C-alpha atoms as a PDB file:
ATOM      1  CA  MET A   1      -0.040   0.394  -0.144  1.00  0.00           C
ATOM      2  CA  ASP A   2       1.008   3.329  -0.565  1.00  0.00           C
ATOM      3  CA  LYS A   3       2.352   5.988   1.816  1.00  0.00           C
ATOM      4  CA  TYR A   4       0.707   9.686   0.988  1.00  0.00           C
ATOM      5  CA  VAL A   5       1.924  13.014   2.289  1.00  0.00           C
ATOM      6  CA  CYS A   6      -0.272  15.854   3.588  1.00  0.00           C
ATOM      7  CA  ASP A   7       1.028  18.917   1.073  1.00  0.00           C
ATOM      8  CA  PRO A   8       0.743  21.531   3.748  1.00  0.00           C
ATOM      9  CA  CYS A   9       2.582  20.228   6.653  1.00  0.00           C
ATOM     10  CA  GLY A  10       4.522  17.182   5.551  1.00  0.00           C
ATOM     11  CA  TYR A  11       2.756  14.817   7.707  1.00  0.00           C
ATOM     12  CA  VAL A  12       2.810  11.204   6.073  1.00  0.00           C
ATOM     13  CA  TYR A  13      -0.211   8.643   6.298  1.00  0.00           C
ATOM     14  CA  ASP A  14       1.626   5.499   6.468  1.00  0.00           C
ATOM     15  CA  PRO A  15      -1.271   2.528   5.717  1.00  0.00           C
ATOM     16  CA  ALA A  16       0.628   0.231   8.064  1.00  0.00           C
ATOM     17  CA  GLU A  17       0.546   2.515  10.918  1.00  0.00           C
ATOM     18  CA  GLY A  18      -3.534   3.849  10.107  1.00  0.00           C
ATOM     19  CA  ASP A  19      -4.503   7.025  12.313  1.00  0.00           C
ATOM     20  CA  PRO A  20      -4.778   5.863  15.816  1.00  0.00           C
ATOM     21  CA  ASP A  21      -6.035   8.853  16.917  1.00  0.00           C
ATOM     22  CA  GLY A  22      -8.504   8.894  14.357  1.00  0.00           C
ATOM     23  CA  ASP A  23      -9.820   5.517  15.132  1.00  0.00           C
ATOM     24  CA  ILE A  24      -8.604   4.543  11.706  1.00  0.00           C
ATOM     25  CA  ALA A  25      -7.137   1.114  11.857  1.00  0.00           C
ATOM     26  CA  PRO A  26      -3.680  -0.732  10.835  1.00  0.00           C
ATOM     27  CA  GLY A  27      -3.713  -1.698   7.429  1.00  0.00           C
ATOM     28  CA  THR A  28      -6.052   0.900   5.894  1.00  0.00           C
ATOM     29  CA  ALA A  29      -5.579   1.802   2.539  1.00  0.00           C
ATOM     30  CA  PHE A  30      -5.412   5.604   1.909  1.00  0.00           C
ATOM     31  CA  GLU A  31      -8.172   5.354  -0.668  1.00  0.00           C
ATOM     32  CA  ASP A  32     -10.263   3.443   1.970  1.00  0.00           C
ATOM     33  CA  LEU A  33     -10.654   6.477   4.161  1.00  0.00           C
ATOM     34  CA  PRO A  34     -13.510   8.058   5.135  1.00  0.00           C
ATOM     35  CA  GLU A  35     -13.775  10.962   2.824  1.00  0.00           C
ATOM     36  CA  ASP A  36     -13.965  13.448   6.007  1.00  0.00           C
ATOM     37  CA  TRP A  37     -10.932  12.250   7.432  1.00  0.00           C
ATOM     38  CA  VAL A  38      -8.884  15.347   7.660  1.00  0.00           C
ATOM     39  CA  CYS A  39      -4.683  15.406   8.230  1.00  0.00           C
ATOM     40  CA  PRO A  40      -4.106  14.485  12.152  1.00  0.00           C
ATOM     41  CA  VAL A  41      -1.576  17.181  12.337  1.00  0.00           C
ATOM     42  CA  CYS A  42      -2.935  20.114  10.503  1.00  0.00           C
ATOM     43  CA  GLY A  43      -6.367  19.375   9.514  1.00  0.00           C
ATOM     44  CA  ALA A  44      -6.164  19.231   6.291  1.00  0.00           C
ATOM     45  CA  ASP A  45      -8.934  17.519   3.957  1.00  0.00           C
ATOM     46  CA  LYS A  46      -7.526  14.169   1.976  1.00  0.00           C
ATOM     47  CA  ASP A  47      -7.161  16.093  -1.523  1.00  0.00           C
ATOM     48  CA  GLN A  48      -4.446  18.061  -0.294  1.00  0.00           C
ATOM     49  CA  PHE A  49      -1.998  14.987  -0.175  1.00  0.00           C
ATOM     50  CA  SER A  50       0.211  13.106  -2.491  1.00  0.00           C
ATOM     51  CA  LYS A  51       1.107   9.840  -3.360  1.00  0.00           C
ATOM     52  CA  LEU A  52       4.803   8.955  -2.155  1.00  0.00           C
END
């Protein structure tokens, strides 16, 4: 699974780790994140992420 980086702040979403603070389980692909999921660091929307 691909990692994605938040363009505004540089946070990297790693599917192997998920987003524990956002109740996203490890193994969740970026494409499978809820549409209302936002960057846990700066609050940017999913459309502001780029594939690494």
